Amino acid sequence: MRFLGIDYGLKKIGLALADDGMAQPFRVIKNDARLVEKLTKICQANQIEKIIIGLPEGKIAKKVRTLAQKVSGVANLPVDFQDETLTSKEAIAKMIQAGKRRKARQQILDAAAAAIILQDYLNSHV
């Protein structure tokens, strides 16, 4: 089964892919008016079968749930949620440990966080 992991942000969206139980950072896209369209195209191009979205606490959780409903309806795919508490901090720590420079970390942080969200989901559900 192929999965798309999403780390939702107000400006940027981190994406990760998994198909053999191992999540990998994929890319970062801009959060704009075409977000649902872009996510749908990515799902089609990568033969995604299920979407996992990191669910934060607080006010932004409502926006995440709204996005999940829209994407699920347009892409006709099941969507599930995974707690995303501290995933960005964990992603930063792993990248520092791997020797990534600050500029490189900033460019892929959201995708790395999406990979952690997706891997956490896979570890607990698959």
PDB file of N, CA and C in Angstrom:
ATOM      1  N   MET A   1       0.846  -1.182   0.000  1.00  0.00           N
ATOM      2  CA  MET A   1       0.000   0.000   0.000  1.00  0.00           C
ATOM      3  C   MET A   1       0.888   1.241   0.000  1.00  0.00           C
ATOM      4  N   ARG A   2       0.563   2.212  -0.842  1.00  0.00           N
ATOM      5  CA  ARG A   2       1.329   3.467  -0.908  1.00  0.00           C
ATOM      6  C   ARG A   2       0.619   4.549  -0.100  1.00  0.00           C
ATOM      7  N   PHE A   3       1.402   5.213   0.727  1.00  0.00           N
ATOM      8  CA  PHE A   3       0.887   6.243   1.618  1.00  0.00           C
ATOM      9  C   PHE A   3       1.516   7.593   1.290  1.00  0.00           C
ATOM     10  N   LEU A   4       0.727   8.655   1.521  1.00  0.00           N
ATOM     11  CA  LEU A   4       1.233  10.023   1.480  1.00  0.00           C
ATOM     12  C   LEU A   4       1.082  10.595   2.877  1.00  0.00           C
ATOM     13  N   GLY A   5       2.173  11.071   3.444  1.00  0.00           N
ATOM     14  CA  GLY A   5       2.145  11.732   4.747  1.00  0.00           C
ATOM     15  C   GLY A   5       2.179  13.232   4.550  1.00  0.00           C
ATOM     16  N   ILE A   6       1.391  13.942   5.349  1.00  0.00           N
ATOM     17  CA  ILE A   6       1.300  15.399   5.221  1.00  0.00           C
ATOM     18  C   ILE A   6       1.560  16.065   6.565  1.00  0.00           C
ATOM     19  N   ASP A   7       2.479  17.023   6.559  1.00  0.00           N
ATOM     20  CA  ASP A   7       2.710  17.900   7.703  1.00  0.00           C
ATOM     21  C   ASP A   7       2.178  19.271   7.298  1.00  0.00           C
ATOM     22  N   TYR A   8       1.014  19.629   7.839  1.00  0.00           N
ATOM     23  CA  TYR A   8       0.318  20.856   7.451  1.00  0.00           C
ATOM     24  C   TYR A   8       0.920  22.064   8.152  1.00  0.00           C
ATOM     25  N   GLY A   9       1.143  23.109   7.374  1.00  0.00           N
ATOM     26  CA  GLY A   9       1.577  24.389   7.912  1.00  0.00           C
ATOM     27  C   GLY A   9       0.814  25.495   7.215  1.00  0.00           C
ATOM     28  N   LEU A  10       0.714  26.634   7.832  1.00  0.00           N
ATOM     29  CA  LEU A  10      -0.035  27.737   7.246  1.00  0.00           C
ATOM     30  C   LEU A  10       0.602  28.249   5.959  1.00  0.00           C
ATOM     31  N   LYS A  11       1.935  28.132   5.826  1.00  0.00           N
ATOM     32  CA  LYS A  11       2.627  28.604   4.627  1.00  0.00           C
ATOM     33  C   LYS A  11       3.151  27.466   3.758  1.00  0.00           C
ATOM     34  N   LYS A  12       3.637  26.402   4.400  1.00  0.00           N
ATOM     35  CA  LYS A  12       4.234  25.287   3.665  1.00  0.00           C
ATOM     36  C   LYS A  12       3.630  23.961   4.132  1.00  0.00           C
ATOM     37  N   ILE A  13       3.618  23.007   3.206  1.00  0.00           N
ATOM     38  CA  ILE A  13       3.108  21.670   3.472  1.00  0.00           C
ATOM     39  C   ILE A  13       4.232  20.685   3.202  1.00  0.00           C
ATOM     40  N   GLY A  14       4.602  19.914   4.199  1.00  0.00           N
ATOM     41  CA  GLY A  14       5.617  18.889   4.019  1.00  0.00           C
ATOM     42  C   GLY A  14       4.960  17.586   3.601  1.00  0.00           C
ATOM     43  N   LEU A  15       5.602  16.882   2.661  1.00  0.00           N
ATOM     44  CA  LEU A  15       5.059  15.630   2.152  1.00  0.00           C
ATOM     45  C   LEU A  15       6.088  14.515   2.287  1.00  0.00           C
ATOM     46  N   ALA A  16       5.587  13.310   2.559  1.00  0.00           N
ATOM     47  CA  ALA A  16       6.430  12.120   2.640  1.00  0.00           C
ATOM     48  C   ALA A  16       5.701  10.977   1.956  1.00  0.00           C
ATOM     49  N   LEU A  17       6.468  10.014   1.465  1.00  0.00           N
ATOM     50  CA  LEU A  17       5.901   8.845   0.811  1.00  0.00           C
ATOM     51  C   LEU A  17       6.370   7.576   1.518  1.00  0.00           C
ATOM     52  N   ALA A  18       5.527   6.550   1.466  1.00  0.00           N
ATOM     53  CA  ALA A  18       5.912   5.232   1.980  1.00  0.00           C
ATOM     54  C   ALA A  18       5.164   4.172   1.197  1.00  0.00           C
ATOM     55  N   ASP A  19       5.875   3.088   0.893  1.00  0.00           N
ATOM     56  CA  ASP A  19       5.191   1.964   0.254  1.00  0.00           C
ATOM     57  C   ASP A  19       5.668   0.613   0.763  1.00  0.00           C
ATOM     58  N   ASP A  20       6.781   0.553   1.432  1.00  0.00           N
ATOM     59  CA  ASP A  20       7.271  -0.706   1.984  1.00  0.00           C
ATOM     60  C   ASP A  20       7.465  -0.595   3.492  1.00  0.00           C
ATOM     61  N   GLY A  21       6.613   0.172   4.150  1.00  0.00           N
ATOM     62  CA  GLY A  21       6.726   0.334   5.590  1.00  0.00           C
ATOM     63  C   GLY A  21       7.791   1.316   6.025  1.00  0.00           C
ATOM     64  N   MET A  22       8.419   2.008   5.061  1.00  0.00           N
ATOM     65  CA  MET A  22       9.474   2.956   5.374  1.00  0.00           C
ATOM     66  C   MET A  22       9.141   4.309   4.774  1.00  0.00           C
ATOM     67  N   ALA A  23       8.916   5.301   5.618  1.00  0.00           N
ATOM     68  CA  ALA A  23       8.575   6.645   5.155  1.00  0.00           C
ATOM     69  C   ALA A  23       9.836   7.416   4.780  1.00  0.00           C
ATOM     70  N   GLN A  24       9.732   8.175   3.684  1.00  0.00           N
ATOM     71  CA  GLN A  24      10.833   8.998   3.198  1.00  0.00           C
ATOM     72  C   GLN A  24      10.322  10.406   2.908  1.00  0.00           C
ATOM     73  N   PRO A  25      11.084  11.440   3.274  1.00  0.00           N
ATOM     74  CA  PRO A  25      10.681  12.792   2.894  1.00  0.00           C
ATOM     75  C   PRO A  25      10.532  12.867   1.375  1.00  0.00           C
ATOM     76  N   PHE A  26       9.525  13.591   0.911  1.00  0.00           N
ATOM     77  CA  PHE A  26       9.273  13.682  -0.517  1.00  0.00           C
ATOM     78  C   PHE A  26       9.537  15.095  -1.032  1.00  0.00           C
ATOM     79  N   ARG A  27       8.755  16.046  -0.572  1.00  0.00           N
ATOM     80  CA  ARG A  27       8.942  17.425  -1.004  1.00  0.00           C
ATOM     81  C   ARG A  27       8.138  18.364  -0.120  1.00  0.00           C
ATOM     82  N   VAL A  28       8.362  19.659  -0.337  1.00  0.00           N
ATOM     83  CA  VAL A  28       7.628  20.710   0.359  1.00  0.00           C
ATOM     84  C   VAL A  28       6.913  21.523  -0.703  1.00  0.00           C
ATOM     85  N   ILE A  29       5.616  21.778  -0.477  1.00  0.00           N
ATOM     86  CA  ILE A  29       4.850  22.596  -1.409  1.00  0.00           C
ATOM     87  C   ILE A  29       4.266  23.786  -0.668  1.00  0.00           C
ATOM     88  N   LYS A  30       3.900  24.787  -1.433  1.00  0.00           N
ATOM     89  CA  LYS A  30       3.327  26.011  -0.879  1.00  0.00           C
ATOM     90  C   LYS A  30       1.861  25.779  -0.525  1.00  0.00           C
ATOM     91  N   ASN A  31       1.441  26.292   0.614  1.00  0.00           N
ATOM     92  CA  ASN A  31       0.039  26.242   1.009  1.00  0.00           C
ATOM     93  C   ASN A  31      -0.644  27.457   0.386  1.00  0.00           C
ATOM     94  N   ASP A  32      -1.371  27.202  -0.685  1.00  0.00           N
ATOM     95  CA  ASP A  32      -2.059  28.282  -1.377  1.00  0.00           C
ATOM     96  C   ASP A  32      -3.443  27.809  -1.823  1.00  0.00           C
ATOM     97  N   ALA A  33      -4.104  28.617  -2.633  1.00  0.00           N
ATOM     98  CA  ALA A  33      -5.474  28.319  -3.067  1.00  0.00           C
ATOM     99  C   ALA A  33      -5.564  27.039  -3.899  1.00  0.00           C
ATOM    100  N   ARG A  34      -4.447  26.581  -4.477  1.00  0.00           N
ATOM    101  CA  ARG A  34      -4.446  25.375  -5.305  1.00  0.00           C
ATOM    102  C   ARG A  34      -3.996  24.131  -4.545  1.00  0.00           C
ATOM    103  N   LEU A  35      -3.943  24.201  -3.215  1.00  0.00           N
ATOM    104  CA  LEU A  35      -3.401  23.113  -2.411  1.00  0.00           C
ATOM    105  C   LEU A  35      -4.092  21.780  -2.670  1.00  0.00           C
ATOM    106  N   VAL A  36      -5.407  21.751  -2.640  1.00  0.00           N
ATOM    107  CA  VAL A  36      -6.140  20.496  -2.831  1.00  0.00           C
ATOM    108  C   VAL A  36      -5.855  19.928  -4.225  1.00  0.00           C
ATOM    109  N   GLU A  37      -5.825  20.792  -5.215  1.00  0.00           N
ATOM    110  CA  GLU A  37      -5.514  20.360  -6.586  1.00  0.00           C
ATOM    111  C   GLU A  37      -4.111  19.762  -6.663  1.00  0.00           C
ATOM    112  N   LYS A  38      -3.130  20.422  -6.041  1.00  0.00           N
ATOM    113  CA  LYS A  38      -1.750  19.926  -6.058  1.00  0.00           C
ATOM    114  C   LYS A  38      -1.651  18.576  -5.353  1.00  0.00           C
ATOM    115  N   LEU A  39      -2.301  18.455  -4.202  1.00  0.00           N
ATOM    116  CA  LEU A  39      -2.256  17.191  -3.465  1.00  0.00           C
ATOM    117  C   LEU A  39      -2.915  16.062  -4.258  1.00  0.00           C
ATOM    118  N   THR A  40      -4.005  16.375  -4.927  1.00  0.00           N
ATOM    119  CA  THR A  40      -4.694  15.372  -5.743  1.00  0.00           C
ATOM    120  C   THR A  40      -3.792  14.882  -6.874  1.00  0.00           C
ATOM    121  N   LYS A  41      -3.109  15.810  -7.541  1.00  0.00           N
ATOM    122  CA  LYS A  41      -2.202  15.430  -8.630  1.00  0.00           C
ATOM    123  C   LYS A  41      -1.040  14.581  -8.112  1.00  0.00           C
ATOM    124  N   ILE A  42      -0.515  14.945  -6.951  1.00  0.00           N
ATOM    125  CA  ILE A  42       0.584  14.178  -6.355  1.00  0.00           C
ATOM    126  C   ILE A  42       0.106  12.763  -6.028  1.00  0.00           C
ATOM    127  N   CYS A  43      -1.105  12.645  -5.503  1.00  0.00           N
ATOM    128  CA  CYS A  43      -1.666  11.329  -5.182  1.00  0.00           C
ATOM    129  C   CYS A  43      -1.816  10.479  -6.443  1.00  0.00           C
ATOM    130  N   GLN A  44      -2.307  11.074  -7.511  1.00  0.00           N
ATOM    131  CA  GLN A  44      -2.481  10.344  -8.765  1.00  0.00           C
ATOM    132  C   GLN A  44      -1.140   9.931  -9.359  1.00  0.00           C
ATOM    133  N   ALA A  45      -0.195  10.848  -9.389  1.00  0.00           N
ATOM    134  CA  ALA A  45       1.109  10.579  -9.995  1.00  0.00           C
ATOM    135  C   ALA A  45       1.890   9.508  -9.236  1.00  0.00           C
ATOM    136  N   ASN A  46       1.661   9.408  -7.927  1.00  0.00           N
ATOM    137  CA  ASN A  46       2.406   8.464  -7.093  1.00  0.00           C
ATOM    138  C   ASN A  46       1.577   7.252  -6.670  1.00  0.00           C
ATOM    139  N   GLN A  47       0.405   7.110  -7.271  1.00  0.00           N
ATOM    140  CA  GLN A  47      -0.483   5.970  -6.998  1.00  0.00           C
ATOM    141  C   GLN A  47      -0.732   5.774  -5.503  1.00  0.00           C
ATOM    142  N   ILE A  48      -1.040   6.873  -4.827  1.00  0.00           N
ATOM    143  CA  ILE A  48      -1.301   6.858  -3.393  1.00  0.00           C
ATOM    144  C   ILE A  48      -2.620   6.151  -3.117  1.00  0.00           C
ATOM    145  N   GLU A  49      -2.632   5.331  -2.067  1.00  0.00           N
ATOM    146  CA  GLU A  49      -3.838   4.597  -1.683  1.00  0.00           C
ATOM    147  C   GLU A  49      -4.438   5.095  -0.369  1.00  0.00           C
ATOM    148  N   LYS A  50      -3.628   5.811   0.427  1.00  0.00           N
ATOM    149  CA  LYS A  50      -4.127   6.350   1.689  1.00  0.00           C
ATOM    150  C   LYS A  50      -3.287   7.561   2.084  1.00  0.00           C
ATOM    151  N   ILE A  51      -3.959   8.555   2.670  1.00  0.00           N
ATOM    152  CA  ILE A  51      -3.299   9.792   3.098  1.00  0.00           C
ATOM    153  C   ILE A  51      -3.301   9.841   4.621  1.00  0.00           C
ATOM    154  N   ILE A  52      -2.150  10.182   5.182  1.00  0.00           N
ATOM    155  CA  ILE A  52      -2.006  10.338   6.634  1.00  0.00           C
ATOM    156  C   ILE A  52      -1.624  11.789   6.887  1.00  0.00           C
ATOM    157  N   ILE A  53      -2.428  12.475   7.673  1.00  0.00           N
ATOM    158  CA  ILE A  53      -2.170  13.889   7.964  1.00  0.00           C
ATOM    159  C   ILE A  53      -1.858  14.053   9.443  1.00  0.00           C
ATOM    160  N   GLY A  54      -0.776  14.773   9.718  1.00  0.00           N
ATOM    161  CA  GLY A  54      -0.420  15.081  11.096  1.00  0.00           C
ATOM    162  C   GLY A  54      -1.463  15.997  11.701  1.00  0.00           C
ATOM    163  N   LEU A  55      -1.968  15.614  12.870  1.00  0.00           N
ATOM    164  CA  LEU A  55      -3.006  16.406  13.529  1.00  0.00           C
ATOM    165  C   LEU A  55      -2.402  17.146  14.714  1.00  0.00           C
ATOM    166  N   PRO A  56      -2.343  18.474  14.610  1.00  0.00           N
ATOM    167  CA  PRO A  56      -1.803  19.275  15.709  1.00  0.00           C
ATOM    168  C   PRO A  56      -2.880  19.547  16.753  1.00  0.00           C
ATOM    169  N   GLU A  57      -2.443  20.168  17.823  1.00  0.00           N
ATOM    170  CA  GLU A  57      -3.387  20.609  18.844  1.00  0.00           C
ATOM    171  C   GLU A  57      -3.770  22.054  18.558  1.00  0.00           C
ATOM    172  N   GLY A  58      -4.847  22.495  19.152  1.00  0.00           N
ATOM    173  CA  GLY A  58      -5.218  23.896  19.054  1.00  0.00           C
ATOM    174  C   GLY A  58      -6.062  24.251  17.846  1.00  0.00           C
ATOM    175  N   LYS A  59      -6.054  25.543  17.515  1.00  0.00           N
ATOM    176  CA  LYS A  59      -6.925  26.097  16.481  1.00  0.00           C
ATOM    177  C   LYS A  59      -6.621  25.561  15.082  1.00  0.00           C
ATOM    178  N   ILE A  60      -5.379  25.247  14.804  1.00  0.00           N
ATOM    179  CA  ILE A  60      -5.011  24.794  13.460  1.00  0.00           C
ATOM    180  C   ILE A  60      -5.592  23.404  13.155  1.00  0.00           C
ATOM    181  N   ALA A  61      -5.955  22.661  14.178  1.00  0.00           N
ATOM    182  CA  ALA A  61      -6.527  21.320  13.974  1.00  0.00           C
ATOM    183  C   ALA A  61      -7.792  21.389  13.119  1.00  0.00           C
ATOM    184  N   LYS A  62      -8.573  22.442  13.278  1.00  0.00           N
ATOM    185  CA  LYS A  62      -9.800  22.594  12.478  1.00  0.00           C
ATOM    186  C   LYS A  62      -9.453  22.738  10.992  1.00  0.00           C
ATOM    187  N   LYS A  63      -8.412  23.515  10.689  1.00  0.00           N
ATOM    188  CA  LYS A  63      -7.984  23.685   9.298  1.00  0.00           C
ATOM    189  C   LYS A  63      -7.500  22.354   8.719  1.00  0.00           C
ATOM    190  N   VAL A  64      -6.807  21.572   9.539  1.00  0.00           N
ATOM    191  CA  VAL A  64      -6.304  20.274   9.093  1.00  0.00           C
ATOM    192  C   VAL A  64      -7.471  19.339   8.774  1.00  0.00           C
ATOM    193  N   ARG A  65      -8.470  19.322   9.634  1.00  0.00           N
ATOM    194  CA  ARG A  65      -9.640  18.458   9.402  1.00  0.00           C
ATOM    195  C   ARG A  65     -10.408  18.902   8.141  1.00  0.00           C
ATOM    196  N   THR A  66     -10.497  20.196   7.922  1.00  0.00           N
ATOM    197  CA  THR A  66     -11.152  20.705   6.711  1.00  0.00           C
ATOM    198  C   THR A  66     -10.383  20.279   5.465  1.00  0.00           C
ATOM    199  N   LEU A  67      -9.052  20.405   5.507  1.00  0.00           N
ATOM    200  CA  LEU A  67      -8.225  19.961   4.391  1.00  0.00           C
ATOM    201  C   LEU A  67      -8.435  18.462   4.142  1.00  0.00           C
ATOM    202  N   ALA A  68      -8.469  17.681   5.186  1.00  0.00           N
ATOM    203  CA  ALA A  68      -8.659  16.229   5.046  1.00  0.00           C
ATOM    204  C   ALA A  68      -9.971  15.916   4.334  1.00  0.00           C
ATOM    205  N   GLN A  69     -11.038  16.607   4.700  1.00  0.00           N
ATOM    206  CA  GLN A  69     -12.332  16.379   4.052  1.00  0.00           C
ATOM    207  C   GLN A  69     -12.277  16.738   2.569  1.00  0.00           C
ATOM    208  N   LYS A  70     -11.655  17.863   2.255  1.00  0.00           N
ATOM    209  CA  LYS A  70     -11.579  18.301   0.857  1.00  0.00           C
ATOM    210  C   LYS A  70     -10.755  17.334   0.017  1.00  0.00           C
ATOM    211  N   VAL A  71      -9.576  16.980   0.514  1.00  0.00           N
ATOM    212  CA  VAL A  71      -8.700  16.087  -0.247  1.00  0.00           C
ATOM    213  C   VAL A  71      -9.330  14.712  -0.407  1.00  0.00           C
ATOM    214  N   SER A  72      -9.917  14.215   0.652  1.00  0.00           N
ATOM    215  CA  SER A  72     -10.571  12.906   0.603  1.00  0.00           C
ATOM    216  C   SER A  72     -11.686  12.895  -0.434  1.00  0.00           C
ATOM    217  N   GLY A  73     -12.454  13.962  -0.481  1.00  0.00           N
ATOM    218  CA  GLY A  73     -13.557  14.052  -1.435  1.00  0.00           C
ATOM    219  C   GLY A  73     -13.092  14.154  -2.875  1.00  0.00           C
ATOM    220  N   VAL A  74     -12.087  14.984  -3.122  1.00  0.00           N
ATOM    221  CA  VAL A  74     -11.601  15.201  -4.484  1.00  0.00           C
ATOM    222  C   VAL A  74     -10.759  14.015  -4.962  1.00  0.00           C
ATOM    223  N   ALA A  75      -9.849  13.544  -4.129  1.00  0.00           N
ATOM    224  CA  ALA A  75      -8.951  12.456  -4.534  1.00  0.00           C
ATOM    225  C   ALA A  75      -9.601  11.085  -4.383  1.00  0.00           C
ATOM    226  N   ASN A  76     -10.729  11.037  -3.691  1.00  0.00           N
ATOM    227  CA  ASN A  76     -11.448   9.775  -3.446  1.00  0.00           C
ATOM    228  C   ASN A  76     -10.539   8.751  -2.762  1.00  0.00           C
ATOM    229  N   LEU A  77      -9.844   9.214  -1.707  1.00  0.00           N
ATOM    230  CA  LEU A  77      -8.931   8.363  -0.954  1.00  0.00           C
ATOM    231  C   LEU A  77      -9.253   8.434   0.531  1.00  0.00           C
ATOM    232  N   PRO A  78      -8.989   7.339   1.259  1.00  0.00           N
ATOM    233  CA  PRO A  78      -9.171   7.407   2.710  1.00  0.00           C
ATOM    234  C   PRO A  78      -8.091   8.289   3.336  1.00  0.00           C
ATOM    235  N   VAL A  79      -8.482   9.013   4.373  1.00  0.00           N
ATOM    236  CA  VAL A  79      -7.563   9.883   5.102  1.00  0.00           C
ATOM    237  C   VAL A  79      -7.611   9.496   6.569  1.00  0.00           C
ATOM    238  N   ASP A  80      -6.450   9.422   7.182  1.00  0.00           N
ATOM    239  CA  ASP A  80      -6.363   9.140   8.612  1.00  0.00           C
ATOM    240  C   ASP A  80      -5.462  10.194   9.238  1.00  0.00           C
ATOM    241  N   PHE A  81      -5.539  10.295  10.557  1.00  0.00           N
ATOM    242  CA  PHE A  81      -4.761  11.300  11.276  1.00  0.00           C
ATOM    243  C   PHE A  81      -3.738  10.633  12.176  1.00  0.00           C
ATOM    244  N   GLN A  82      -2.634  11.346  12.411  1.00  0.00           N
ATOM    245  CA  GLN A  82      -1.597  10.901  13.330  1.00  0.00           C
ATOM    246  C   GLN A  82      -1.161  12.102  14.153  1.00  0.00           C
ATOM    247  N   ASP A  83      -1.027  11.914  15.453  1.00  0.00           N
ATOM    248  CA  ASP A  83      -0.560  12.989  16.326  1.00  0.00           C
ATOM    249  C   ASP A  83       0.796  13.488  15.825  1.00  0.00           C
ATOM    250  N   GLU A  84       0.937  14.811  15.712  1.00  0.00           N
ATOM    251  CA  GLU A  84       2.199  15.360  15.205  1.00  0.00           C
ATOM    252  C   GLU A  84       2.991  16.109  16.271  1.00  0.00           C
ATOM    253  N   THR A  85       2.672  15.887  17.519  1.00  0.00           N
ATOM    254  CA  THR A  85       3.358  16.569  18.609  1.00  0.00           C
ATOM    255  C   THR A  85       4.865  16.347  18.529  1.00  0.00           C
ATOM    256  N   LEU A  86       5.604  17.427  18.505  1.00  0.00           N
ATOM    257  CA  LEU A  86       7.065  17.468  18.533  1.00  0.00           C
ATOM    258  C   LEU A  86       7.758  16.867  17.306  1.00  0.00           C
ATOM    259  N   THR A  87       7.029  16.636  16.217  1.00  0.00           N
ATOM    260  CA  THR A  87       7.678  16.034  15.044  1.00  0.00           C
ATOM    261  C   THR A  87       8.698  16.961  14.410  1.00  0.00           C
ATOM    262  N   SER A  88       8.440  18.259  14.395  1.00  0.00           N
ATOM    263  CA  SER A  88       9.416  19.188  13.808  1.00  0.00           C
ATOM    264  C   SER A  88      10.702  19.204  14.629  1.00  0.00           C
ATOM    265  N   LYS A  89      10.571  19.186  15.942  1.00  0.00           N
ATOM    266  CA  LYS A  89      11.767  19.166  16.794  1.00  0.00           C
ATOM    267  C   LYS A  89      12.543  17.867  16.615  1.00  0.00           C
ATOM    268  N   GLU A  90      11.826  16.767  16.482  1.00  0.00           N
ATOM    269  CA  GLU A  90      12.474  15.472  16.253  1.00  0.00           C
ATOM    270  C   GLU A  90      13.187  15.470  14.899  1.00  0.00           C
ATOM    271  N   ALA A  91      12.542  16.055  13.886  1.00  0.00           N
ATOM    272  CA  ALA A  91      13.148  16.116  12.553  1.00  0.00           C
ATOM    273  C   ALA A  91      14.431  16.949  12.585  1.00  0.00           C
ATOM    274  N   ILE A  92      14.409  18.078  13.273  1.00  0.00           N
ATOM    275  CA  ILE A  92      15.601  18.926  13.387  1.00  0.00           C
ATOM    276  C   ILE A  92      16.723  18.160  14.068  1.00  0.00           C
ATOM    277  N   ALA A  93      16.409  17.498  15.174  1.00  0.00           N
ATOM    278  CA  ALA A  93      17.422  16.742  15.915  1.00  0.00           C
ATOM    279  C   ALA A  93      18.054  15.656  15.043  1.00  0.00           C
ATOM    280  N   LYS A  94      17.231  14.943  14.266  1.00  0.00           N
ATOM    281  CA  LYS A  94      17.763  13.885  13.395  1.00  0.00           C
ATOM    282  C   LYS A  94      18.639  14.458  12.292  1.00  0.00           C
ATOM    283  N   MET A  95      18.254  15.609  11.747  1.00  0.00           N
ATOM    284  CA  MET A  95      19.050  16.207  10.679  1.00  0.00           C
ATOM    285  C   MET A  95      20.382  16.749  11.208  1.00  0.00           C
ATOM    286  N   ILE A  96      20.363  17.312  12.411  1.00  0.00           N
ATOM    287  CA  ILE A  96      21.609  17.785  13.027  1.00  0.00           C
ATOM    288  C   ILE A  96      22.525  16.593  13.258  1.00  0.00           C
ATOM    289  N   GLN A  97      21.957  15.508  13.773  1.00  0.00           N
ATOM    290  CA  GLN A  97      22.725  14.296  14.032  1.00  0.00           C
ATOM    291  C   GLN A  97      23.326  13.737  12.734  1.00  0.00           C
ATOM    292  N   ALA A  98      22.611  13.918  11.635  1.00  0.00           N
ATOM    293  CA  ALA A  98      23.089  13.437  10.334  1.00  0.00           C
ATOM    294  C   ALA A  98      24.070  14.417   9.688  1.00  0.00           C
ATOM    295  N   GLY A  99      24.318  15.545  10.334  1.00  0.00           N
ATOM    296  CA  GLY A  99      25.288  16.502   9.814  1.00  0.00           C
ATOM    297  C   GLY A  99      24.759  17.471   8.778  1.00  0.00           C
ATOM    298  N   LYS A 100      23.449  17.608   8.662  1.00  0.00           N
ATOM    299  CA  LYS A 100      22.868  18.545   7.691  1.00  0.00           C
ATOM    300  C   LYS A 100      23.108  19.976   8.160  1.00  0.00           C
ATOM    301  N   ARG A 101      23.504  20.825   7.237  1.00  0.00           N
ATOM    302  CA  ARG A 101      23.700  22.245   7.551  1.00  0.00           C
ATOM    303  C   ARG A 101      22.347  22.929   7.743  1.00  0.00           C
ATOM    304  N   ARG A 102      22.371  24.055   8.423  1.00  0.00           N
ATOM    305  CA  ARG A 102      21.137  24.774   8.761  1.00  0.00           C
ATOM    306  C   ARG A 102      20.288  25.079   7.524  1.00  0.00           C
ATOM    307  N   LYS A 103      20.901  25.576   6.469  1.00  0.00           N
ATOM    308  CA  LYS A 103      20.152  25.927   5.253  1.00  0.00           C
ATOM    309  C   LYS A 103      19.477  24.689   4.657  1.00  0.00           C
ATOM    310  N   ALA A 104      20.181  23.585   4.619  1.00  0.00           N
ATOM    311  CA  ALA A 104      19.606  22.334   4.102  1.00  0.00           C
ATOM    312  C   ALA A 104      18.457  21.868   4.999  1.00  0.00           C
ATOM    313  N   ARG A 105      18.626  22.020   6.300  1.00  0.00           N
ATOM    314  CA  ARG A 105      17.564  21.621   7.244  1.00  0.00           C
ATOM    315  C   ARG A 105      16.306  22.444   7.018  1.00  0.00           C
ATOM    316  N   GLN A 106      16.470  23.737   6.807  1.00  0.00           N
ATOM    317  CA  GLN A 106      15.315  24.614   6.612  1.00  0.00           C
ATOM    318  C   GLN A 106      14.539  24.262   5.357  1.00  0.00           C
ATOM    319  N   GLN A 107      15.241  23.839   4.321  1.00  0.00           N
ATOM    320  CA  GLN A 107      14.594  23.522   3.051  1.00  0.00           C
ATOM    321  C   GLN A 107      13.757  22.249   3.117  1.00  0.00           C
ATOM    322  N   ILE A 108      14.167  21.285   3.931  1.00  0.00           N
ATOM    323  CA  ILE A 108      13.452  20.006   3.954  1.00  0.00           C
ATOM    324  C   ILE A 108      12.768  19.694   5.283  1.00  0.00           C
ATOM    325  N   LEU A 109      12.781  20.643   6.211  1.00  0.00           N
ATOM    326  CA  LEU A 109      12.225  20.397   7.539  1.00  0.00           C
ATOM    327  C   LEU A 109      10.793  19.862   7.485  1.00  0.00           C
ATOM    328  N   ASP A 110       9.930  20.495   6.718  1.00  0.00           N
ATOM    329  CA  ASP A 110       8.525  20.090   6.689  1.00  0.00           C
ATOM    330  C   ASP A 110       8.357  18.688   6.089  1.00  0.00           C
ATOM    331  N   ALA A 111       9.144  18.359   5.087  1.00  0.00           N
ATOM    332  CA  ALA A 111       9.081  17.021   4.502  1.00  0.00           C
ATOM    333  C   ALA A 111       9.620  15.978   5.483  1.00  0.00           C
ATOM    334  N   ALA A 112      10.673  16.342   6.215  1.00  0.00           N
ATOM    335  CA  ALA A 112      11.225  15.429   7.221  1.00  0.00           C
ATOM    336  C   ALA A 112      10.210  15.196   8.345  1.00  0.00           C
ATOM    337  N   ALA A 113       9.506  16.252   8.758  1.00  0.00           N
ATOM    338  CA  ALA A 113       8.469  16.107   9.780  1.00  0.00           C
ATOM    339  C   ALA A 113       7.328  15.233   9.259  1.00  0.00           C
ATOM    340  N   ALA A 114       6.973  15.392   7.976  1.00  0.00           N
ATOM    341  CA  ALA A 114       5.932  14.551   7.375  1.00  0.00           C
ATOM    342  C   ALA A 114       6.358  13.086   7.387  1.00  0.00           C
ATOM    343  N   ALA A 115       7.644  12.828   7.137  1.00  0.00           N
ATOM    344  CA  ALA A 115       8.146  11.452   7.162  1.00  0.00           C
ATOM    345  C   ALA A 115       8.048  10.858   8.568  1.00  0.00           C
ATOM    346  N   ILE A 116       8.309  11.664   9.587  1.00  0.00           N
ATOM    347  CA  ILE A 116       8.192  11.178  10.966  1.00  0.00           C
ATOM    348  C   ILE A 116       6.731  10.887  11.297  1.00  0.00           C
ATOM    349  N   ILE A 117       5.839  11.777  10.895  1.00  0.00           N
ATOM    350  CA  ILE A 117       4.400  11.556  11.111  1.00  0.00           C
ATOM    351  C   ILE A 117       3.969  10.259  10.443  1.00  0.00           C
ATOM    352  N   LEU A 118       4.354  10.090   9.196  1.00  0.00           N
ATOM    353  CA  LEU A 118       3.968   8.903   8.444  1.00  0.00           C
ATOM    354  C   LEU A 118       4.582   7.639   9.043  1.00  0.00           C
ATOM    355  N   GLN A 119       5.852   7.689   9.431  1.00  0.00           N
ATOM    356  CA  GLN A 119       6.497   6.512  10.017  1.00  0.00           C
ATOM    357  C   GLN A 119       5.856   6.139  11.352  1.00  0.00           C
ATOM    358  N   ASP A 120       5.523   7.142  12.161  1.00  0.00           N
ATOM    359  CA  ASP A 120       4.823   6.873  13.430  1.00  0.00           C
ATOM    360  C   ASP A 120       3.493   6.163  13.169  1.00  0.00           C
ATOM    361  N   TYR A 121       2.784   6.611  12.152  1.00  0.00           N
ATOM    362  CA  TYR A 121       1.509   5.976  11.787  1.00  0.00           C
ATOM    363  C   TYR A 121       1.744   4.520  11.355  1.00  0.00           C
ATOM    364  N   LEU A 122       2.707   4.333  10.478  1.00  0.00           N
ATOM    365  CA  LEU A 122       2.999   2.981   9.987  1.00  0.00           C
ATOM    366  C   LEU A 122       3.395   2.047  11.124  1.00  0.00           C
ATOM    367  N   ASN A 123       4.214   2.558  12.042  1.00  0.00           N
ATOM    368  CA  ASN A 123       4.659   1.734  13.165  1.00  0.00           C
ATOM    369  C   ASN A 123       3.521   1.311  14.080  1.00  0.00           C
ATOM    370  N   SER A 124       2.503   2.124  14.171  1.00  0.00           N
ATOM    371  CA  SER A 124       1.408   1.809  15.088  1.00  0.00           C
ATOM    372  C   SER A 124       0.169   1.228  14.431  1.00  0.00           C
ATOM    373  N   HIS A 125       0.074   1.263  13.091  1.00  0.00           N
ATOM    374  CA  HIS A 125      -1.148   0.809  12.428  1.00  0.00           C
ATOM    375  C   HIS A 125      -0.954  -0.285  11.375  1.00  0.00           C
ATOM    376  N   VAL A 126       0.254  -0.444  10.886  1.00  0.00           N
ATOM    377  CA  VAL A 126       0.432  -1.387   9.774  1.00  0.00           C
ATOM    378  C   VAL A 126       1.227  -2.586  10.235  1.00  0.00           C
TER     379      VAL A 126
END
